Amino acid sequence: MTVHQIPNTIKTDSFWMPFTANRQFKKTPRLFSSAKGMYYTSVDGRQVIDGSAGLWCVNAGHGRPQIAAAVERQLTTLDFAPSFNMGHPLAFDFAERLAEIAPKGLDRIFFTNSGSESVDTALKIALAYHRANGQATRTRLIGRERGYHGVGFGGMSVGGMVANRRQFATHLPGVDHIRHTHDMARNAFAKDQPDHGAELADDVERMVALHGADTIAAVIVEPVPGSTAVLPPPKGYLQRLRELCTKHGILLIFDEVITGFGRLGTPFAANFFGVTPDMMTTAKGITNGTVPCGAVFASRQVHDGLMVGPDNAMELFHGYTYSAHPVACAAGIATLDIYKDEGLLTRGASLADYWRDALHSLKGLPNVVDIRNVGLMGAVEVAPRKDAPGTRGYDIMVDCFNSGLYLRLGGDSMAMSPPLIVEKKHIDDMVSILDGAIKRAA
């Protein structure tokens, strides 16, 4: 394997990069060559703090030998086994381990390979569940504005990020959206959950009045939207959403691809907010980002509702070649062992206040218009430049990288969610680097 130690000497034409301004990036590539613990190493040998746990996924930090050993062992023992009418023990072991940490009742696990696949799977299960229970008219899916649910046609359709939708003319029919909860006028610089906006959950009633409850299969939301730069739910919002879905017989799906596996200082956001959905989509931290894997956690009611008909009949006509891939299961079990041994699924709770105060210390810097946080998630938003939205944020992101901090950029918002092994000194360094970059971009 070639490791390029001299920047900008590789040929970049062939790789069509995802979610990237390819022409802009390839003029001045930002390249990592290795990673360990809390840090990436750039190709020119600089240490860069991983302020975003990769893509919200490297929750236990980089380079964990325990996971690498499990993957190597599995590759030389059983490199692949089908999950269609066959199986292997690790798939069942992994599912049991996930069920043990799941919110009570969400202990039926369907394996996928990504967050996008988890979302499409949950949506299909919702449709199949209602059909199996004699409510075949429930075909409508409700998403939320500013939501991100991956890039499959299902996830794109229920998602509410305009740029992710406008380029593709064909969306799923029978999809609608409730309003988002981001209210800068009332909630700017709120710490943890904002006070205002619980009433926005009543948009479900508007959907029911418009379409009829007997046509709606499911509502899907992120407990904390991450890709739109960390939007904590207003106090009472998720509780109200749960009440309304229960009232109208609508399944509630939490997209926990980002918030799952300790991000809020609890195993899942459902635990943090005390709200249990009917299904939960996961991926990312399930294997510490090492091997693609995802899972849908379903309630027994949903699972058992599909266990109908003759025993030899297939209950759900859905799945993937790589569902419960042996190597992914091995990586996942090793990851869960690390989470358990090091207490990482709850460690964030002990740092959440320090994280919150550190981020909010940036209030008052030039152009900073909002700061948001919950658990070990946070975002700092700056005012856009006139007629050039996104450019100030981009300049800050590049400056941070050059100064030793990697973070996620969303428009003019800088989002951060460090690995759960983060220490206070890392938080101090992250905030200090961001502070300087914001000032220089003024």
Protein backbone atom coordinates (compact mmCIF):
# COMPACT_ATOMS: atom_id res chain seq x y z
CA MET A 1 0.00 0.00 0.00
CA THR A 2 1.32 3.44 -0.90
CA VAL A 3 1.22 6.11 1.78
CA HIS A 4 1.78 9.51 0.24
CA GLN A 5 3.94 11.57 2.58
CA ILE A 6 4.30 14.53 0.21
CA PRO A 7 1.08 16.53 -0.19
CA ASN A 8 -0.53 16.99 -3.59
CA THR A 9 1.55 14.38 -5.40
CA ILE A 10 -1.25 11.85 -5.94
CA LYS A 11 -3.52 11.64 -8.95
CA THR A 12 -6.98 12.75 -7.86
CA ASP A 13 -8.99 12.55 -11.09
CA SER A 14 -10.42 9.03 -10.80
CA PHE A 15 -12.04 9.25 -7.35
CA TRP A 16 -15.44 10.94 -7.59
CA MET A 17 -15.79 12.06 -3.98
CA PRO A 18 -19.13 11.97 -2.14
CA PHE A 19 -20.72 15.10 -0.68
CA THR A 20 -17.69 17.15 -1.78
CA ALA A 21 -17.05 20.10 -4.07
CA ASN A 22 -14.68 17.91 -6.09
CA ARG A 23 -13.06 20.62 -8.20
CA GLN A 24 -12.44 22.83 -5.19
CA PHE A 25 -11.05 20.00 -3.06
CA LYS A 26 -8.72 18.63 -5.72
CA LYS A 27 -7.03 22.00 -6.12
CA THR A 28 -5.84 21.73 -2.50
CA PRO A 29 -6.51 18.25 -1.09
CA ARG A 30 -6.76 17.68 2.65
CA LEU A 31 -5.46 14.16 3.21
CA PHE A 32 -5.06 11.90 6.24
CA SER A 33 -2.49 9.10 6.28
CA SER A 34 -3.09 7.49 9.69
CA ALA A 35 -5.03 7.81 12.93
CA LYS A 36 -4.65 6.86 16.58
CA GLY A 37 -6.75 7.69 19.59
CA MET A 38 -8.04 11.26 19.31
CA TYR A 39 -5.83 12.26 16.39
CA TYR A 40 -5.47 11.96 12.65
CA THR A 41 -2.06 12.40 11.05
CA SER A 42 -2.07 14.37 7.81
CA VAL A 43 0.09 13.32 4.86
CA ASP A 44 2.57 16.04 5.75
CA GLY A 45 2.96 14.65 9.25
CA ARG A 46 0.78 17.04 11.26
CA GLN A 47 -1.37 15.93 14.19
CA VAL A 48 -5.03 16.87 13.68
CA ILE A 49 -7.59 16.48 16.49
CA ASP A 50 -10.57 14.47 15.33
CA GLY A 51 -13.30 16.85 16.42
CA SER A 52 -16.07 14.91 14.70
CA ALA A 53 -15.34 11.25 15.45
CA GLY A 54 -14.68 10.73 11.76
CA LEU A 55 -18.23 11.13 10.46
CA TRP A 56 -19.92 10.84 13.86
CA CYS A 57 -18.84 7.18 13.97
CA VAL A 58 -15.44 6.61 15.63
CA ASN A 59 -16.89 6.73 19.14
CA ALA A 60 -14.11 4.70 20.81
CA GLY A 61 -11.29 6.56 19.12
CA HIS A 62 -9.03 5.42 16.31
CA GLY A 63 -6.77 2.41 15.95
CA ARG A 64 -8.28 0.05 18.51
CA PRO A 65 -6.19 -3.18 18.39
CA GLN A 66 -9.05 -5.22 19.87
CA ILE A 67 -11.27 -4.51 16.86
CA ALA A 68 -8.45 -5.07 14.37
CA ALA A 69 -7.64 -8.44 15.95
CA ALA A 70 -11.29 -9.50 15.86
CA VAL A 71 -11.56 -8.56 12.18
CA GLU A 72 -8.35 -10.40 11.28
CA ARG A 73 -9.44 -13.50 13.19
CA GLN A 74 -12.84 -13.52 11.52
CA LEU A 75 -11.44 -13.05 8.01
CA THR A 76 -9.30 -16.14 8.41
CA THR A 77 -12.09 -18.18 10.04
CA LEU A 78 -15.27 -17.33 8.12
CA ASP A 79 -14.94 -14.50 5.64
CA PHE A 80 -18.55 -14.60 4.40
CA ALA A 81 -21.76 -16.45 5.09
CA PRO A 82 -25.20 -15.73 3.65
CA SER A 83 -28.08 -14.66 5.84
CA PHE A 84 -30.75 -15.81 3.40
CA ASN A 85 -32.01 -19.15 4.77
CA MET A 86 -28.59 -19.72 6.35
CA GLY A 87 -26.69 -18.12 9.20
CA HIS A 88 -23.60 -18.02 11.37
CA PRO A 89 -23.34 -17.81 15.18
CA LEU A 90 -21.85 -14.32 15.37
CA ALA A 91 -24.96 -12.76 13.82
CA PHE A 92 -27.12 -14.10 16.63
CA ASP A 93 -24.53 -13.26 19.28
CA PHE A 94 -24.23 -9.69 17.99
CA ALA A 95 -28.01 -9.25 17.91
CA GLU A 96 -28.28 -10.46 21.51
CA ARG A 97 -25.56 -8.05 22.62
CA LEU A 98 -27.33 -5.14 20.92
CA ALA A 99 -30.67 -6.14 22.45
CA GLU A 100 -29.05 -6.01 25.90
CA ILE A 101 -28.21 -2.30 25.58
CA ALA A 102 -31.33 -1.30 23.63
CA PRO A 103 -34.12 0.80 25.12
CA LYS A 104 -36.54 -1.59 26.80
CA GLY A 105 -38.66 -3.42 24.26
CA LEU A 106 -36.61 -2.60 21.16
CA ASP A 107 -34.90 -5.97 21.11
CA ARG A 108 -35.56 -7.32 17.62
CA ILE A 109 -32.58 -6.55 15.39
CA PHE A 110 -32.48 -6.43 11.57
CA PHE A 111 -28.97 -5.96 10.18
CA THR A 112 -28.09 -3.59 7.36
CA ASN A 113 -24.83 -2.06 6.10
CA SER A 114 -25.30 1.67 6.56
CA GLY A 115 -27.54 4.35 7.97
CA SER A 116 -29.19 4.84 4.60
CA GLU A 117 -30.05 1.15 4.42
CA SER A 118 -31.30 1.19 8.00
CA VAL A 119 -33.70 4.01 7.18
CA ASP A 120 -35.06 2.38 4.03
CA THR A 121 -35.41 -0.87 5.97
CA ALA A 122 -37.38 0.76 8.80
CA LEU A 123 -39.70 2.50 6.34
CA LYS A 124 -40.37 -0.78 4.54
CA ILE A 125 -40.97 -2.61 7.82
CA ALA A 126 -43.50 0.08 8.78
CA LEU A 127 -45.42 -0.42 5.55
CA ALA A 128 -45.29 -4.20 5.83
CA TYR A 129 -46.39 -4.12 9.47
CA HIS A 130 -49.56 -2.17 8.77
CA ARG A 131 -50.39 -4.35 5.77
CA ALA A 132 -49.94 -7.52 7.83
CA ASN A 133 -52.26 -6.08 10.47
CA GLY A 134 -55.10 -5.30 8.11
CA GLN A 135 -54.35 -1.59 7.69
CA ALA A 136 -53.03 -1.57 4.15
CA THR A 137 -54.28 2.00 3.67
CA ARG A 138 -51.46 3.21 5.94
CA THR A 139 -48.89 3.94 3.23
CA ARG A 140 -47.98 7.57 3.89
CA LEU A 141 -44.58 8.39 5.41
CA ILE A 142 -43.97 11.60 7.32
CA GLY A 143 -40.50 13.14 7.65
CA ARG A 144 -39.42 16.51 8.97
CA GLU A 145 -37.97 19.62 7.40
CA ARG A 146 -34.18 19.90 7.83
CA GLY A 147 -34.01 16.18 8.54
CA TYR A 148 -31.35 13.89 7.09
CA HIS A 149 -32.08 10.20 6.67
CA GLY A 150 -29.42 9.04 4.25
CA VAL A 151 -29.31 8.90 0.49
CA GLY A 152 -31.59 6.03 -0.54
CA PHE A 153 -34.78 7.02 -2.30
CA GLY A 154 -36.71 6.38 0.88
CA GLY A 155 -34.37 8.38 3.09
CA MET A 156 -34.08 11.17 0.55
CA SER A 157 -37.85 11.40 0.27
CA VAL A 158 -38.55 11.66 4.00
CA GLY A 159 -35.47 13.83 4.46
CA GLY A 160 -35.86 17.56 4.53
CA MET A 161 -32.54 19.00 3.31
CA VAL A 162 -33.28 20.93 0.13
CA ALA A 163 -29.91 20.41 -1.55
CA ASN A 164 -30.16 16.66 -1.04
CA ARG A 165 -33.55 16.59 -2.76
CA ARG A 166 -33.63 19.17 -5.54
CA GLN A 167 -31.17 17.44 -7.88
CA PHE A 168 -33.28 14.29 -8.07
CA ALA A 169 -36.66 14.66 -9.69
CA THR A 170 -38.15 11.38 -8.52
CA HIS A 171 -39.12 11.00 -4.87
CA LEU A 172 -41.32 8.42 -3.21
CA PRO A 173 -45.01 9.31 -3.55
CA GLY A 174 -47.15 9.74 -0.47
CA VAL A 175 -44.56 11.54 1.63
CA ASP A 176 -45.12 14.72 3.64
CA HIS A 177 -43.14 16.69 6.22
CA ILE A 178 -43.77 18.31 9.58
CA ARG A 179 -42.00 21.57 10.39
CA HIS A 180 -38.48 21.69 11.79
CA THR A 181 -37.81 22.96 15.31
CA HIS A 182 -34.90 25.35 14.68
CA ASP A 183 -36.01 28.77 15.96
CA MET A 184 -33.14 31.25 16.04
CA ALA A 185 -35.40 34.12 17.06
CA ARG A 186 -36.44 32.45 20.33
CA ASN A 187 -33.72 29.89 21.00
CA ALA A 188 -30.37 31.33 19.89
CA PHE A 189 -27.53 30.36 22.27
CA ALA A 190 -29.78 27.98 24.19
CA LYS A 191 -27.81 25.58 26.36
CA ASP A 192 -28.77 21.93 25.94
CA GLN A 193 -32.47 21.74 25.00
CA PRO A 194 -34.15 25.01 24.00
CA ASP A 195 -37.18 26.17 25.95
CA HIS A 196 -39.42 27.03 23.02
CA GLY A 197 -41.01 24.86 20.34
CA ALA A 198 -42.61 21.79 21.92
CA GLU A 199 -45.86 22.80 20.25
CA LEU A 200 -44.31 22.14 16.84
CA ALA A 201 -44.92 18.44 17.45
CA ASP A 202 -48.60 19.23 16.95
CA ASP A 203 -47.82 19.33 13.23
CA VAL A 204 -48.63 15.62 13.38
CA GLU A 205 -52.23 16.65 14.02
CA ARG A 206 -52.06 18.82 10.90
CA MET A 207 -50.90 15.79 8.90
CA VAL A 208 -53.75 13.74 10.32
CA ALA A 209 -56.29 16.47 9.49
CA LEU A 210 -54.92 16.74 5.95
CA HIS A 211 -54.40 13.09 5.05
CA GLY A 212 -56.33 11.06 7.63
CA ALA A 213 -54.70 8.98 10.33
CA ASP A 214 -55.67 5.77 8.53
CA THR A 215 -53.32 6.69 5.66
CA ILE A 216 -50.18 7.39 7.74
CA ALA A 217 -47.76 4.54 8.40
CA ALA A 218 -44.91 6.24 10.23
CA VAL A 219 -43.25 9.44 11.35
CA ILE A 220 -39.45 9.47 11.22
CA VAL A 221 -37.27 12.05 12.95
CA GLU A 222 -33.74 12.37 14.25
CA PRO A 223 -33.92 12.94 18.01
CA VAL A 224 -31.11 15.45 17.44
CA PRO A 225 -30.56 16.37 13.79
CA GLY A 226 -26.82 16.22 13.15
CA SER A 227 -26.26 16.85 9.45
CA THR A 228 -28.07 20.18 9.72
CA ALA A 229 -25.54 21.12 12.41
CA VAL A 230 -26.90 19.88 15.73
CA LEU A 231 -30.47 20.97 16.44
CA PRO A 232 -31.44 19.80 19.95
CA PRO A 233 -35.19 19.22 20.33
CA PRO A 234 -37.19 21.70 22.40
CA LYS A 235 -38.09 20.53 25.89
CA GLY A 236 -41.14 18.26 25.72
CA TYR A 237 -41.13 18.02 21.92
CA LEU A 238 -40.23 14.35 21.55
CA GLN A 239 -42.57 13.38 24.37
CA ARG A 240 -45.43 15.13 22.59
CA LEU A 241 -44.49 13.47 19.29
CA ARG A 242 -44.66 10.07 20.98
CA GLU A 243 -48.09 10.84 22.46
CA LEU A 244 -49.54 11.90 19.12
CA CYS A 245 -48.19 8.92 17.20
CA THR A 246 -49.58 6.54 19.81
CA LYS A 247 -52.92 8.35 19.75
CA HIS A 248 -53.28 7.92 15.99
CA GLY A 249 -51.76 4.44 15.60
CA ILE A 250 -48.75 5.80 13.74
CA LEU A 251 -45.34 4.16 14.16
CA LEU A 252 -42.61 6.47 15.47
CA ILE A 253 -39.11 5.92 14.10
CA PHE A 254 -36.03 7.53 15.64
CA ASP A 255 -33.09 7.88 13.29
CA GLU A 256 -30.25 7.29 15.75
CA VAL A 257 -27.49 6.78 13.20
CA ILE A 258 -25.64 9.73 14.75
CA THR A 259 -27.02 9.82 18.31
CA GLY A 260 -26.68 6.09 18.97
CA PHE A 261 -23.91 4.44 20.98
CA GLY A 262 -23.10 6.99 23.64
CA ARG A 263 -23.17 10.30 21.80
CA LEU A 264 -25.44 11.93 24.40
CA GLY A 265 -24.00 10.20 27.44
CA THR A 266 -26.56 7.39 27.28
CA PRO A 267 -26.58 4.33 25.02
CA PHE A 268 -29.17 5.95 22.76
CA ALA A 269 -31.00 9.25 22.50
CA ALA A 270 -34.18 7.37 23.35
CA ASN A 271 -32.67 6.76 26.80
CA PHE A 272 -31.51 10.35 27.12
CA PHE A 273 -34.91 11.87 26.37
CA GLY A 274 -36.95 9.12 28.00
CA VAL A 275 -38.94 8.47 24.83
CA THR A 276 -39.12 5.01 23.27
CA PRO A 277 -39.96 4.85 19.55
CA ASP A 278 -41.37 1.83 17.73
CA MET A 279 -38.20 1.47 15.69
CA MET A 280 -34.72 2.90 15.83
CA THR A 281 -32.23 3.10 12.94
CA THR A 282 -28.52 2.83 13.68
CA ALA A 283 -25.12 2.48 11.99
CA LYS A 284 -21.87 4.49 12.40
CA GLY A 285 -20.80 3.81 16.01
CA ILE A 286 -22.09 0.24 15.87
CA THR A 287 -18.62 -0.91 14.69
CA ASN A 288 -16.68 2.23 15.66
CA GLY A 289 -16.65 3.10 11.97
CA THR A 290 -14.33 0.21 11.11
CA VAL A 291 -16.54 -2.04 8.97
CA PRO A 292 -19.79 -0.90 7.30
CA CYS A 293 -22.74 -2.09 9.36
CA GLY A 294 -26.12 -0.88 10.50
CA ALA A 295 -29.12 -2.20 12.37
CA VAL A 296 -32.80 -1.49 12.82
CA PHE A 297 -34.04 -2.00 16.38
CA ALA A 298 -37.72 -2.92 16.31
CA SER A 299 -40.25 -3.36 19.07
CA ARG A 300 -41.68 -6.79 19.73
CA GLN A 301 -45.05 -5.46 18.64
CA VAL A 302 -43.70 -4.54 15.21
CA HIS A 303 -41.69 -7.74 14.86
CA ASP A 304 -44.42 -10.05 16.07
CA GLY A 305 -46.97 -8.26 13.91
CA LEU A 306 -45.15 -9.63 10.88
CA MET A 307 -44.79 -13.18 12.22
CA VAL A 308 -48.07 -14.28 10.63
CA GLY A 309 -49.12 -16.94 8.13
CA PRO A 310 -47.62 -20.42 7.70
CA ASP A 311 -44.30 -21.07 9.42
CA ASN A 312 -42.63 -21.77 6.07
CA ALA A 313 -43.70 -18.41 4.63
CA MET A 314 -41.17 -15.61 4.35
CA GLU A 315 -42.36 -12.80 6.63
CA LEU A 316 -40.43 -9.86 5.13
CA PHE A 317 -39.30 -9.71 1.52
CA HIS A 318 -36.30 -7.57 2.25
CA GLY A 319 -32.59 -7.89 3.05
CA TYR A 320 -29.06 -7.39 1.79
CA THR A 321 -26.28 -9.68 0.61
CA TYR A 322 -24.13 -8.33 3.41
CA SER A 323 -26.74 -8.28 6.18
CA ALA A 324 -24.97 -9.56 9.32
CA HIS A 325 -21.68 -9.95 7.46
CA PRO A 326 -19.40 -12.08 9.68
CA VAL A 327 -16.58 -9.53 9.66
CA ALA A 328 -18.95 -6.68 10.54
CA CYS A 329 -20.40 -8.75 13.38
CA ALA A 330 -16.92 -9.49 14.70
CA ALA A 331 -16.03 -5.80 14.59
CA GLY A 332 -19.34 -4.91 16.24
CA ILE A 333 -18.95 -7.35 19.13
CA ALA A 334 -15.38 -6.14 19.75
CA THR A 335 -16.68 -2.56 19.69
CA LEU A 336 -19.41 -3.37 22.22
CA ASP A 337 -16.78 -4.99 24.44
CA ILE A 338 -14.76 -1.75 24.41
CA TYR A 339 -17.83 0.35 25.11
CA LYS A 340 -18.67 -1.88 28.08
CA ASP A 341 -15.15 -2.24 29.49
CA GLU A 342 -14.42 1.50 29.30
CA GLY A 343 -17.91 2.77 30.14
CA LEU A 344 -18.05 4.75 26.91
CA LEU A 345 -21.80 4.55 26.41
CA THR A 346 -22.29 6.78 29.45
CA ARG A 347 -18.92 8.55 29.74
CA GLY A 348 -20.16 11.57 27.80
CA ALA A 349 -22.50 12.50 30.64
CA SER A 350 -19.52 13.37 32.86
CA LEU A 351 -18.12 15.75 30.23
CA ALA A 352 -21.33 17.27 28.88
CA ASP A 353 -21.28 20.35 31.14
CA TYR A 354 -17.61 21.05 30.42
CA TRP A 355 -18.27 20.62 26.70
CA ARG A 356 -21.28 22.95 26.86
CA ASP A 357 -19.41 25.68 28.74
CA ALA A 358 -16.38 25.45 26.46
CA LEU A 359 -18.48 25.85 23.32
CA HIS A 360 -20.51 28.72 24.74
CA SER A 361 -17.31 30.57 25.65
CA LEU A 362 -17.17 31.43 21.93
CA LYS A 363 -20.28 33.60 22.25
CA GLY A 364 -19.40 37.18 21.43
CA LEU A 365 -16.77 36.37 18.80
CA PRO A 366 -17.14 38.17 15.47
CA ASN A 367 -20.09 36.92 13.40
CA VAL A 368 -21.08 34.13 15.82
CA VAL A 369 -24.91 34.06 15.69
CA ASP A 370 -25.70 30.82 17.51
CA ILE A 371 -24.17 28.03 19.57
CA ARG A 372 -25.98 24.73 20.14
CA ASN A 373 -25.13 21.72 22.26
CA VAL A 374 -26.48 18.53 23.77
CA GLY A 375 -24.48 15.62 25.16
CA LEU A 376 -21.17 15.56 23.30
CA MET A 377 -22.64 17.18 20.20
CA GLY A 378 -22.24 20.85 19.42
CA ALA A 379 -22.27 23.44 16.67
CA VAL A 380 -21.15 27.03 16.27
CA GLU A 381 -22.92 29.05 13.57
CA VAL A 382 -21.53 32.20 11.99
CA ALA A 383 -23.34 34.80 9.92
CA PRO A 384 -23.02 34.23 6.17
CA ARG A 385 -21.13 36.69 4.02
CA LYS A 386 -23.28 38.88 1.84
CA ASP A 387 -24.18 37.06 -1.39
CA ALA A 388 -21.79 34.22 -0.51
CA PRO A 389 -23.41 31.82 1.98
CA GLY A 390 -21.16 29.04 3.15
CA THR A 391 -17.88 30.73 2.27
CA ARG A 392 -17.14 32.04 5.76
CA GLY A 393 -17.82 28.61 7.22
CA TYR A 394 -15.62 26.96 4.59
CA ASP A 395 -12.74 29.31 5.33
CA ILE A 396 -13.07 28.55 9.05
CA MET A 397 -13.10 24.80 8.38
CA VAL A 398 -9.94 24.97 6.24
CA ASP A 399 -8.22 27.22 8.78
CA CYS A 400 -9.07 24.75 11.53
CA PHE A 401 -7.64 21.86 9.52
CA ASN A 402 -4.44 23.77 8.88
CA SER A 403 -4.27 24.61 12.59
CA GLY A 404 -4.81 21.03 13.76
CA LEU A 405 -8.57 20.46 14.08
CA TYR A 406 -10.92 18.46 11.89
CA LEU A 407 -14.61 19.34 12.17
CA ARG A 408 -17.77 18.96 10.10
CA LEU A 409 -19.04 21.86 8.03
CA GLY A 410 -22.71 22.46 7.32
CA GLY A 411 -23.21 25.73 5.47
CA ASP A 412 -21.91 28.34 7.90
CA SER A 413 -22.13 26.04 10.92
CA MET A 414 -19.21 24.13 12.36
CA ALA A 415 -20.39 20.89 13.95
CA MET A 416 -18.32 18.85 16.39
CA SER A 417 -18.80 15.51 18.13
CA PRO A 418 -15.48 14.12 19.34
CA PRO A 419 -14.73 10.48 20.10
CA LEU A 420 -16.08 9.47 23.50
CA ILE A 421 -12.51 9.01 24.80
CA VAL A 422 -12.07 12.81 24.64
CA GLU A 423 -10.42 14.52 27.62
CA LYS A 424 -10.87 18.09 28.83
CA LYS A 425 -7.51 19.09 27.34
CA HIS A 426 -8.74 18.00 23.90
CA ILE A 427 -11.90 20.07 24.32
CA ASP A 428 -9.77 23.07 25.31
CA ASP A 429 -7.58 22.64 22.24
CA MET A 430 -10.57 22.24 19.91
CA VAL A 431 -12.24 25.39 21.19
CA SER A 432 -8.98 27.36 21.11
CA ILE A 433 -8.32 26.43 17.47
CA LEU A 434 -11.90 27.25 16.47
CA ASP A 435 -11.69 30.56 18.35
CA GLY A 436 -8.66 31.63 16.32
CA ALA A 437 -10.17 30.55 13.02
CA ILE A 438 -13.40 32.46 13.67
CA LYS A 439 -11.46 35.61 14.47
CA ARG A 440 -9.32 35.30 11.34
CA ALA A 441 -12.44 34.85 9.16
CA ALA A 442 -14.06 38.04 10.51
